[in-house]
Amino acid sequence: MDEEKTSAQWARLIQEEQEAFQKASRQHNQAEPGRGIYHAALLNRDWYKANSALLLEYCRLARSGRQYFEDGEVIVPPINAIGRIANIAETISTGNEHPSLKYALGLGGNPERWPAARRCQAYAVFYVELCRQNAIEDKKFIKSVVDAYDVDRGTVDRWAGEERDYICDGLSAPEPQNARLRMLIEGHNYQFNRSEVSPADWCIGLAIHFMTNSATSETARLSSLSKVMRLFGMERSDIEAWEADAESYLQRVPAPHPDALFSCLTLAGEAYRNGRMR
């Protein structure tokens, strides 16, 4: 297979895996309850097939030792696809031999089964503990977590109480001076893990939030536009096309806390640029 075809195939496999996952997710959420293991397997089948094709192709590329395609694009590991199948594997390791698709990226069910979500939860727990130790000054620290993660107080109490050891297993608390920002970032990540919005649209939504919040004048708007272009590696015309559909993105993607907005935007830009999520 020549270089050009390999590059085109790679882009196609990434798109097919993402589309198959989104389709299966929608079907899963609309499925009638109580239809059993066989029905869940049917919903998952096309996504498993697409995920397998993508990961096998990545293994083939990795074994070849290549790092670039002929057109200069870097061969980036398909992190989203790897993460989804890893979450399924961890679910199986806990004794659930027939995991539903909801465990792949936090689309329902028990959030303690999702490794990505559990890591987010851990930084909420660490923040609560540091506040209780007076290492951080926040008199309404439970509310801070509730707002950042879009959960209720009972959920936060449960994470920091009976589920604390499981959630925080193998993870270390951040330094107090970094804990609040990390909690705010992970709170937004947690909302993404539970969302059906595609990774690309989530990243674009963050860009729209940033530009909307920054547009206090035309000069400020142009400055924010320039930052988004640099972070996302996109042309001005591309960003302005996103702005034309701003209302749709703002409705589907929640805004992170203002103190974490630029940090979340930076991470989104890196993910969008490196993941080639066009």
C-alpha atoms as a PDB file:
ATOM      1  CA  MET A   1       0.000   0.000   0.000  1.00  0.00           C
ATOM      2  CA  ASP A   2       1.451   3.350  -1.017  1.00  0.00           C
ATOM      3  CA  GLU A   3       1.879   6.289   1.365  1.00  0.00           C
ATOM      4  CA  GLU A   4      -0.976   8.381  -0.029  1.00  0.00           C
ATOM      5  CA  LYS A   5      -3.518   5.575   0.264  1.00  0.00           C
ATOM      6  CA  THR A   6      -2.327   4.816   3.778  1.00  0.00           C
ATOM      7  CA  SER A   7      -2.905   8.422   4.813  1.00  0.00           C
ATOM      8  CA  ALA A   8      -6.367   8.467   3.272  1.00  0.00           C
ATOM      9  CA  GLN A   9      -7.251   5.135   4.855  1.00  0.00           C
ATOM     10  CA  TRP A  10      -6.096   6.356   8.252  1.00  0.00           C
ATOM     11  CA  ALA A  11      -8.331   9.424   8.088  1.00  0.00           C
ATOM     12  CA  ARG A  12     -11.247   7.251   6.963  1.00  0.00           C
ATOM     13  CA  LEU A  13     -10.766   4.735   9.777  1.00  0.00           C
ATOM     14  CA  ILE A  14     -10.682   7.473  12.415  1.00  0.00           C
ATOM     15  CA  GLN A  15     -13.884   8.992  11.027  1.00  0.00           C
ATOM     16  CA  GLU A  16     -15.651   5.630  10.765  1.00  0.00           C
ATOM     17  CA  GLU A  17     -14.808   4.677  14.363  1.00  0.00           C
ATOM     18  CA  GLN A  18     -16.058   8.019  15.682  1.00  0.00           C
ATOM     19  CA  GLU A  19     -19.264   7.857  13.632  1.00  0.00           C
ATOM     20  CA  ALA A  20     -19.928   4.246  14.643  1.00  0.00           C
ATOM     21  CA  PHE A  21     -19.496   5.132  18.308  1.00  0.00           C
ATOM     22  CA  GLN A  22     -21.815   8.133  18.046  1.00  0.00           C
ATOM     23  CA  LYS A  23     -24.457   6.048  16.233  1.00  0.00           C
ATOM     24  CA  ALA A  24     -24.278   3.233  18.774  1.00  0.00           C
ATOM     25  CA  SER A  25     -24.451   5.775  21.600  1.00  0.00           C
ATOM     26  CA  ARG A  26     -27.632   7.293  20.200  1.00  0.00           C
ATOM     27  CA  GLN A  27     -29.165   3.856  19.699  1.00  0.00           C
ATOM     28  CA  HIS A  28     -28.208   2.856  23.226  1.00  0.00           C
ATOM     29  CA  ASN A  29     -29.848   5.912  24.769  1.00  0.00           C
ATOM     30  CA  GLN A  30     -33.034   5.378  22.738  1.00  0.00           C
ATOM     31  CA  ALA A  31     -33.267   1.628  23.348  1.00  0.00           C
ATOM     32  CA  GLU A  32     -36.085   0.173  25.361  1.00  0.00           C
ATOM     33  CA  PRO A  33     -35.017  -0.871  28.882  1.00  0.00           C
ATOM     34  CA  GLY A  34     -34.805  -4.508  29.866  1.00  0.00           C
ATOM     35  CA  ARG A  35     -33.976  -5.935  26.468  1.00  0.00           C
ATOM     36  CA  GLY A  36     -30.980  -7.829  27.787  1.00  0.00           C
ATOM     37  CA  ILE A  37     -27.420  -8.682  26.903  1.00  0.00           C
ATOM     38  CA  TYR A  38     -28.109  -9.731  23.298  1.00  0.00           C
ATOM     39  CA  HIS A  39     -29.656  -6.370  22.412  1.00  0.00           C
ATOM     40  CA  ALA A  40     -26.700  -4.515  23.961  1.00  0.00           C
ATOM     41  CA  ALA A  41     -24.304  -6.634  21.897  1.00  0.00           C
ATOM     42  CA  LEU A  42     -26.150  -5.753  18.696  1.00  0.00           C
ATOM     43  CA  LEU A  43     -25.860  -2.053  19.469  1.00  0.00           C
ATOM     44  CA  ASN A  44     -22.129  -2.392  20.078  1.00  0.00           C
ATOM     45  CA  ARG A  45     -21.211  -4.620  17.123  1.00  0.00           C
ATOM     46  CA  ASP A  46     -20.605  -2.028  14.407  1.00  0.00           C
ATOM     47  CA  TRP A  47     -18.568   0.133  16.776  1.00  0.00           C
ATOM     48  CA  TYR A  48     -16.438  -2.828  17.901  1.00  0.00           C
ATOM     49  CA  LYS A  49     -15.742  -3.644  14.252  1.00  0.00           C
ATOM     50  CA  ALA A  50     -14.753  -0.049  13.427  1.00  0.00           C
ATOM     51  CA  ASN A  51     -12.645   0.252  16.584  1.00  0.00           C
ATOM     52  CA  SER A  52     -10.845  -2.991  15.788  1.00  0.00           C
ATOM     53  CA  ALA A  53     -10.082  -1.910  12.208  1.00  0.00           C
ATOM     54  CA  LEU A  54      -8.643   1.400  13.425  1.00  0.00           C
ATOM     55  CA  LEU A  55      -6.497  -0.081  16.185  1.00  0.00           C
ATOM     56  CA  LEU A  56      -5.180  -2.893  13.986  1.00  0.00           C
ATOM     57  CA  GLU A  57      -4.157  -0.360  11.351  1.00  0.00           C
ATOM     58  CA  TYR A  58      -2.414   1.695  14.027  1.00  0.00           C
ATOM     59  CA  CYS A  59      -0.536  -1.430  15.173  1.00  0.00           C
ATOM     60  CA  ARG A  60       0.536  -2.063  11.583  1.00  0.00           C
ATOM     61  CA  LEU A  61       1.804   1.501  11.218  1.00  0.00           C
ATOM     62  CA  ALA A  62       3.578   1.369  14.579  1.00  0.00           C
ATOM     63  CA  ARG A  63       5.313  -1.913  13.714  1.00  0.00           C
ATOM     64  CA  SER A  64       6.542  -0.373  10.470  1.00  0.00           C
ATOM     65  CA  GLY A  65       8.359   2.296  12.494  1.00  0.00           C
ATOM     66  CA  ARG A  66       6.830   5.160  10.515  1.00  0.00           C
ATOM     67  CA  GLN A  67       5.989   8.442  12.228  1.00  0.00           C
ATOM     68  CA  TYR A  68       4.792  10.527   9.268  1.00  0.00           C
ATOM     69  CA  PHE A  69       2.635  10.120   6.176  1.00  0.00           C
ATOM     70  CA  GLU A  70       3.902  11.231   2.778  1.00  0.00           C
ATOM     71  CA  ASP A  71       2.009  14.541   3.050  1.00  0.00           C
ATOM     72  CA  GLY A  72       3.845  15.377   6.280  1.00  0.00           C
ATOM     73  CA  GLU A  73       1.009  14.606   8.696  1.00  0.00           C
ATOM     74  CA  VAL A  74       2.116  13.029  11.950  1.00  0.00           C
ATOM     75  CA  ILE A  75       0.724   9.572  12.703  1.00  0.00           C
ATOM     76  CA  VAL A  76      -1.053  10.404  15.970  1.00  0.00           C
ATOM     77  CA  PRO A  77      -2.184   7.555  18.250  1.00  0.00           C
ATOM     78  CA  PRO A  78      -6.010   7.238  18.162  1.00  0.00           C
ATOM     79  CA  ILE A  79      -6.321   8.129  21.847  1.00  0.00           C
ATOM     80  CA  ASN A  80     -10.125   8.373  21.893  1.00  0.00           C
ATOM     81  CA  ALA A  81     -10.567   4.925  20.360  1.00  0.00           C
ATOM     82  CA  ILE A  82      -7.930   3.410  22.653  1.00  0.00           C
ATOM     83  CA  GLY A  83      -9.536   5.029  25.687  1.00  0.00           C
ATOM     84  CA  ARG A  84     -12.995   3.748  24.815  1.00  0.00           C
ATOM     85  CA  ILE A  85     -11.883   0.138  24.405  1.00  0.00           C
ATOM     86  CA  ALA A  86      -9.670   0.387  27.526  1.00  0.00           C
ATOM     87  CA  ASN A  87     -12.688   1.497  29.548  1.00  0.00           C
ATOM     88  CA  ILE A  88     -14.606  -1.530  28.279  1.00  0.00           C
ATOM     89  CA  ALA A  89     -11.676  -3.782  29.261  1.00  0.00           C
ATOM     90  CA  GLU A  90     -11.554  -2.347  32.774  1.00  0.00           C
ATOM     91  CA  THR A  91     -15.290  -2.876  33.107  1.00  0.00           C
ATOM     92  CA  ILE A  92     -14.823  -6.548  32.198  1.00  0.00           C
ATOM     93  CA  SER A  93     -11.993  -6.800  34.751  1.00  0.00           C
ATOM     94  CA  THR A  94     -14.408  -5.754  37.526  1.00  0.00           C
ATOM     95  CA  GLY A  95     -16.600  -8.785  36.854  1.00  0.00           C
ATOM     96  CA  ASN A  96     -19.083  -7.381  34.350  1.00  0.00           C
ATOM     97  CA  GLU A  97     -18.642  -9.858  31.511  1.00  0.00           C
ATOM     98  CA  HIS A  98     -21.185  -8.146  29.236  1.00  0.00           C
ATOM     99  CA  PRO A  99     -20.461  -4.425  29.448  1.00  0.00           C
ATOM    100  CA  SER A 100     -22.931  -2.082  27.822  1.00  0.00           C
ATOM    101  CA  LEU A 101     -21.692   0.590  25.448  1.00  0.00           C
ATOM    102  CA  LYS A 102     -22.424   3.163  28.161  1.00  0.00           C
ATOM    103  CA  TYR A 103     -19.177   2.164  29.862  1.00  0.00           C
ATOM    104  CA  ALA A 104     -17.045   3.148  26.866  1.00  0.00           C
ATOM    105  CA  LEU A 105     -17.251   6.884  27.478  1.00  0.00           C
ATOM    106  CA  GLY A 106     -19.599   7.527  30.366  1.00  0.00           C
ATOM    107  CA  LEU A 107     -22.989   7.582  28.698  1.00  0.00           C
ATOM    108  CA  GLY A 108     -25.000   6.259  31.633  1.00  0.00           C
ATOM    109  CA  GLY A 109     -24.991   3.695  34.389  1.00  0.00           C
ATOM    110  CA  ASN A 110     -22.496   3.580  37.225  1.00  0.00           C
ATOM    111  CA  PRO A 111     -19.763   6.222  36.774  1.00  0.00           C
ATOM    112  CA  GLU A 112     -17.320   4.392  39.033  1.00  0.00           C
ATOM    113  CA  ARG A 113     -16.889   1.922  36.159  1.00  0.00           C
ATOM    114  CA  TRP A 114     -15.387   4.537  33.820  1.00  0.00           C
ATOM    115  CA  PRO A 115     -11.631   5.061  34.251  1.00  0.00           C
ATOM    116  CA  ALA A 116     -11.680   8.514  32.628  1.00  0.00           C
ATOM    117  CA  ALA A 117     -14.594   9.656  34.780  1.00  0.00           C
ATOM    118  CA  ARG A 118     -13.040   8.135  37.902  1.00  0.00           C
ATOM    119  CA  ARG A 119      -9.908  10.208  37.407  1.00  0.00           C
ATOM    120  CA  CYS A 120     -12.055  13.319  37.139  1.00  0.00           C
ATOM    121  CA  GLN A 121     -13.909  12.343  40.300  1.00  0.00           C
ATOM    122  CA  ALA A 122     -10.615  11.897  42.150  1.00  0.00           C
ATOM    123  CA  TYR A 123      -9.663  15.545  41.691  1.00  0.00           C
ATOM    124  CA  ALA A 124     -13.039  16.557  43.101  1.00  0.00           C
ATOM    125  CA  VAL A 125     -12.349  14.394  46.144  1.00  0.00           C
ATOM    126  CA  PHE A 126      -8.830  15.789  46.546  1.00  0.00           C
ATOM    127  CA  TYR A 127     -10.199  19.330  46.393  1.00  0.00           C
ATOM    128  CA  VAL A 128     -12.805  18.594  49.056  1.00  0.00           C
ATOM    129  CA  GLU A 129     -10.186  17.034  51.320  1.00  0.00           C
ATOM    130  CA  LEU A 130      -7.721  19.904  50.915  1.00  0.00           C
ATOM    131  CA  CYS A 131     -10.480  22.400  51.730  1.00  0.00           C
ATOM    132  CA  ARG A 132     -11.433  20.434  54.844  1.00  0.00           C
ATOM    133  CA  GLN A 133      -7.778  20.478  55.876  1.00  0.00           C
ATOM    134  CA  ASN A 134      -7.784  24.285  55.444  1.00  0.00           C
ATOM    135  CA  ALA A 135      -5.065  23.979  52.805  1.00  0.00           C
ATOM    136  CA  ILE A 136      -7.400  25.836  50.435  1.00  0.00           C
ATOM    137  CA  GLU A 137      -9.662  28.710  51.386  1.00  0.00           C
ATOM    138  CA  ASP A 138     -13.113  27.994  49.988  1.00  0.00           C
ATOM    139  CA  LYS A 139     -16.033  28.134  52.419  1.00  0.00           C
ATOM    140  CA  LYS A 140     -18.406  26.752  49.791  1.00  0.00           C
ATOM    141  CA  PHE A 141     -16.152  24.021  48.443  1.00  0.00           C
ATOM    142  CA  ILE A 142     -18.940  21.471  47.989  1.00  0.00           C
ATOM    143  CA  LYS A 143     -20.879  23.949  45.858  1.00  0.00           C
ATOM    144  CA  SER A 144     -17.711  24.665  43.884  1.00  0.00           C
ATOM    145  CA  VAL A 145     -17.480  20.988  42.965  1.00  0.00           C
ATOM    146  CA  VAL A 146     -21.224  20.685  42.315  1.00  0.00           C
ATOM    147  CA  ASP A 147     -21.073  23.591  39.865  1.00  0.00           C
ATOM    148  CA  ALA A 148     -17.885  22.420  38.122  1.00  0.00           C
ATOM    149  CA  TYR A 149     -19.090  18.832  37.632  1.00  0.00           C
ATOM    150  CA  ASP A 150     -22.822  19.524  37.195  1.00  0.00           C
ATOM    151  CA  VAL A 151     -23.775  16.970  39.851  1.00  0.00           C
ATOM    152  CA  ASP A 152     -25.743  17.217  43.093  1.00  0.00           C
ATOM    153  CA  ARG A 153     -24.377  17.572  46.615  1.00  0.00           C
ATOM    154  CA  GLY A 154     -25.221  13.986  47.485  1.00  0.00           C
ATOM    155  CA  THR A 155     -23.024  12.757  44.642  1.00  0.00           C
ATOM    156  CA  VAL A 156     -20.047  14.761  45.896  1.00  0.00           C
ATOM    157  CA  ASP A 157     -20.613  13.515  49.460  1.00  0.00           C
ATOM    158  CA  ARG A 158     -20.684   9.933  48.183  1.00  0.00           C
ATOM    159  CA  TRP A 159     -17.482  10.366  46.174  1.00  0.00           C
ATOM    160  CA  ALA A 160     -15.664  11.853  49.162  1.00  0.00           C
ATOM    161  CA  GLY A 161     -17.170   9.302  51.548  1.00  0.00           C
ATOM    162  CA  GLU A 162     -18.017   5.680  50.849  1.00  0.00           C
ATOM    163  CA  GLU A 163     -16.481   5.637  47.345  1.00  0.00           C
ATOM    164  CA  ARG A 164     -13.329   7.580  48.193  1.00  0.00           C
ATOM    165  CA  ASP A 165     -10.862   4.676  48.328  1.00  0.00           C
ATOM    166  CA  TYR A 166     -11.964   3.215  45.009  1.00  0.00           C
ATOM    167  CA  ILE A 167     -12.054   6.547  43.203  1.00  0.00           C
ATOM    168  CA  CYS A 168      -8.630   7.720  44.400  1.00  0.00           C
ATOM    169  CA  ASP A 169      -6.825   4.395  44.167  1.00  0.00           C
ATOM    170  CA  GLY A 170      -3.449   4.890  42.476  1.00  0.00           C
ATOM    171  CA  LEU A 171      -3.810   8.681  42.157  1.00  0.00           C
ATOM    172  CA  SER A 172      -2.037  11.425  44.111  1.00  0.00           C
ATOM    173  CA  ALA A 173      -3.472  14.721  45.282  1.00  0.00           C
ATOM    174  CA  PRO A 174      -2.158  17.847  43.537  1.00  0.00           C
ATOM    175  CA  GLU A 175      -0.375  20.622  45.379  1.00  0.00           C
ATOM    176  CA  PRO A 176      -2.888  22.932  47.111  1.00  0.00           C
ATOM    177  CA  GLN A 177      -1.966  25.879  44.876  1.00  0.00           C
ATOM    178  CA  ASN A 178      -2.871  23.823  41.790  1.00  0.00           C
ATOM    179  CA  ALA A 179      -5.854  21.910  43.162  1.00  0.00           C
ATOM    180  CA  ARG A 180      -8.632  24.386  42.373  1.00  0.00           C
ATOM    181  CA  LEU A 181      -7.689  24.861  38.722  1.00  0.00           C
ATOM    182  CA  ARG A 182      -7.231  21.113  38.276  1.00  0.00           C
ATOM    183  CA  MET A 183     -10.633  20.469  39.848  1.00  0.00           C
ATOM    184  CA  LEU A 184     -12.295  22.989  37.532  1.00  0.00           C
ATOM    185  CA  ILE A 185     -10.628  21.469  34.450  1.00  0.00           C
ATOM    186  CA  GLU A 186     -11.497  17.908  35.471  1.00  0.00           C
ATOM    187  CA  GLY A 187     -15.052  18.983  36.233  1.00  0.00           C
ATOM    188  CA  HIS A 188     -15.435  20.106  32.651  1.00  0.00           C
ATOM    189  CA  ASN A 189     -13.770  16.901  31.424  1.00  0.00           C
ATOM    190  CA  TYR A 190     -16.236  14.918  33.516  1.00  0.00           C
ATOM    191  CA  GLN A 191     -19.138  16.652  31.799  1.00  0.00           C
ATOM    192  CA  PHE A 192     -17.577  15.810  28.429  1.00  0.00           C
ATOM    193  CA  ASN A 193     -17.180  12.134  29.417  1.00  0.00           C
ATOM    194  CA  ARG A 194     -20.916  11.995  30.117  1.00  0.00           C
ATOM    195  CA  SER A 195     -21.893  13.878  26.980  1.00  0.00           C
ATOM    196  CA  GLU A 196     -22.931  12.628  23.554  1.00  0.00           C
ATOM    197  CA  VAL A 197     -21.302  15.635  21.867  1.00  0.00           C
ATOM    198  CA  SER A 198     -18.459  14.586  19.573  1.00  0.00           C
ATOM    199  CA  PRO A 199     -14.896  15.453  20.653  1.00  0.00           C
ATOM    200  CA  ALA A 200     -14.490  17.822  17.691  1.00  0.00           C
ATOM    201  CA  ASP A 201     -17.707  19.693  18.454  1.00  0.00           C
ATOM    202  CA  TRP A 202     -16.787  19.883  22.136  1.00  0.00           C
ATOM    203  CA  CYS A 203     -13.463  21.502  21.250  1.00  0.00           C
ATOM    204  CA  ILE A 204     -15.146  23.929  18.875  1.00  0.00           C
ATOM    205  CA  GLY A 205     -17.726  24.747  21.545  1.00  0.00           C
ATOM    206  CA  LEU A 206     -14.939  25.750  23.925  1.00  0.00           C
ATOM    207  CA  ALA A 207     -13.483  28.013  21.245  1.00  0.00           C
ATOM    208  CA  ILE A 208     -16.884  29.662  20.789  1.00  0.00           C
ATOM    209  CA  HIS A 209     -17.267  30.173  24.540  1.00  0.00           C
ATOM    210  CA  PHE A 210     -13.820  31.757  24.700  1.00  0.00           C
ATOM    211  CA  MET A 211     -14.466  34.130  21.819  1.00  0.00           C
ATOM    212  CA  THR A 212     -17.940  35.034  23.111  1.00  0.00           C
ATOM    213  CA  ASN A 213     -16.602  35.854  26.573  1.00  0.00           C
ATOM    214  CA  SER A 214     -13.712  37.849  25.111  1.00  0.00           C
ATOM    215  CA  ALA A 215     -15.692  39.897  22.591  1.00  0.00           C
ATOM    216  CA  THR A 216     -15.967  43.081  24.661  1.00  0.00           C
ATOM    217  CA  SER A 217     -14.804  45.112  21.636  1.00  0.00           C
ATOM    218  CA  GLU A 218     -13.776  44.493  18.035  1.00  0.00           C
ATOM    219  CA  THR A 219     -10.119  44.629  19.069  1.00  0.00           C
ATOM    220  CA  ALA A 220     -10.739  42.059  21.802  1.00  0.00           C
ATOM    221  CA  ARG A 221     -12.644  39.861  19.355  1.00  0.00           C
ATOM    222  CA  LEU A 222      -9.780  39.893  16.852  1.00  0.00           C
ATOM    223  CA  SER A 223      -7.317  39.092  19.625  1.00  0.00           C
ATOM    224  CA  SER A 224      -9.373  36.088  20.787  1.00  0.00           C
ATOM    225  CA  LEU A 225      -9.808  34.980  17.166  1.00  0.00           C
ATOM    226  CA  SER A 226      -6.037  35.066  16.699  1.00  0.00           C
ATOM    227  CA  LYS A 227      -5.506  32.950  19.832  1.00  0.00           C
ATOM    228  CA  VAL A 228      -7.999  30.332  18.690  1.00  0.00           C
ATOM    229  CA  MET A 229      -6.391  30.199  15.226  1.00  0.00           C
ATOM    230  CA  ARG A 230      -2.993  29.610  16.826  1.00  0.00           C
ATOM    231  CA  LEU A 231      -4.186  27.014  19.351  1.00  0.00           C
ATOM    232  CA  PHE A 232      -6.309  25.044  16.870  1.00  0.00           C
ATOM    233  CA  GLY A 233      -4.042  25.426  13.835  1.00  0.00           C
ATOM    234  CA  MET A 234      -6.939  26.718  11.737  1.00  0.00           C
ATOM    235  CA  GLU A 235      -7.468  29.529   9.249  1.00  0.00           C
ATOM    236  CA  ARG A 236      -9.525  32.614  10.072  1.00  0.00           C
ATOM    237  CA  SER A 237     -12.227  31.590   7.609  1.00  0.00           C
ATOM    238  CA  ASP A 238     -12.619  28.249   9.429  1.00  0.00           C
ATOM    239  CA  ILE A 239     -13.061  29.927  12.815  1.00  0.00           C
ATOM    240  CA  GLU A 240     -15.547  32.432  11.409  1.00  0.00           C
ATOM    241  CA  ALA A 241     -17.528  29.529   9.935  1.00  0.00           C
ATOM    242  CA  TRP A 242     -17.752  28.101  13.465  1.00  0.00           C
ATOM    243  CA  GLU A 243     -18.951  31.481  14.729  1.00  0.00           C
ATOM    244  CA  ALA A 244     -21.776  31.429  12.195  1.00  0.00           C
ATOM    245  CA  ASP A 245     -23.131  28.357  14.005  1.00  0.00           C
ATOM    246  CA  ALA A 246     -22.238  29.649  17.472  1.00  0.00           C
ATOM    247  CA  GLU A 247     -25.686  29.249  19.014  1.00  0.00           C
ATOM    248  CA  SER A 248     -25.723  25.517  18.304  1.00  0.00           C
ATOM    249  CA  TYR A 249     -22.330  24.996  19.960  1.00  0.00           C
ATOM    250  CA  LEU A 250     -23.213  27.158  22.967  1.00  0.00           C
ATOM    251  CA  GLN A 251     -26.350  25.121  23.575  1.00  0.00           C
ATOM    252  CA  ARG A 252     -24.602  21.757  23.390  1.00  0.00           C
ATOM    253  CA  VAL A 253     -21.298  22.482  25.129  1.00  0.00           C
ATOM    254  CA  PRO A 254     -21.373  23.894  28.676  1.00  0.00           C
ATOM    255  CA  ALA A 255     -18.974  26.700  29.515  1.00  0.00           C
ATOM    256  CA  PRO A 256     -16.234  25.830  32.015  1.00  0.00           C
ATOM    257  CA  HIS A 257     -15.638  28.060  35.007  1.00  0.00           C
ATOM    258  CA  PRO A 258     -14.145  31.390  33.840  1.00  0.00           C
ATOM    259  CA  ASP A 259     -10.955  30.675  35.805  1.00  0.00           C
ATOM    260  CA  ALA A 260     -10.452  27.472  33.826  1.00  0.00           C
ATOM    261  CA  LEU A 261     -11.713  28.616  30.430  1.00  0.00           C
ATOM    262  CA  PHE A 262      -8.331  29.361  28.839  1.00  0.00           C
ATOM    263  CA  SER A 263      -6.759  26.188  30.285  1.00  0.00           C
ATOM    264  CA  CYS A 264      -9.628  24.106  28.876  1.00  0.00           C
ATOM    265  CA  LEU A 265      -9.323  25.947  25.558  1.00  0.00           C
ATOM    266  CA  THR A 266      -5.584  25.216  25.380  1.00  0.00           C
ATOM    267  CA  LEU A 267      -6.167  21.505  25.993  1.00  0.00           C
ATOM    268  CA  ALA A 268      -8.988  21.490  23.432  1.00  0.00           C
ATOM    269  CA  GLY A 269      -6.808  23.191  20.840  1.00  0.00           C
ATOM    270  CA  GLU A 270      -4.058  20.630  21.329  1.00  0.00           C
ATOM    271  CA  ALA A 271      -6.526  17.744  21.086  1.00  0.00           C
ATOM    272  CA  TYR A 272      -8.173  19.208  17.983  1.00  0.00           C
ATOM    273  CA  ARG A 273      -4.871  19.961  16.263  1.00  0.00           C
ATOM    274  CA  ASN A 274      -3.107  16.698  17.101  1.00  0.00           C
ATOM    275  CA  GLY A 275      -6.173  14.521  16.688  1.00  0.00           C
ATOM    276  CA  ARG A 276      -6.937  15.908  13.225  1.00  0.00           C
ATOM    277  CA  MET A 277     -10.607  16.113  14.282  1.00  0.00           C
ATOM    278  CA  ARG A 278     -11.823  17.930  11.186  1.00  0.00           C
END
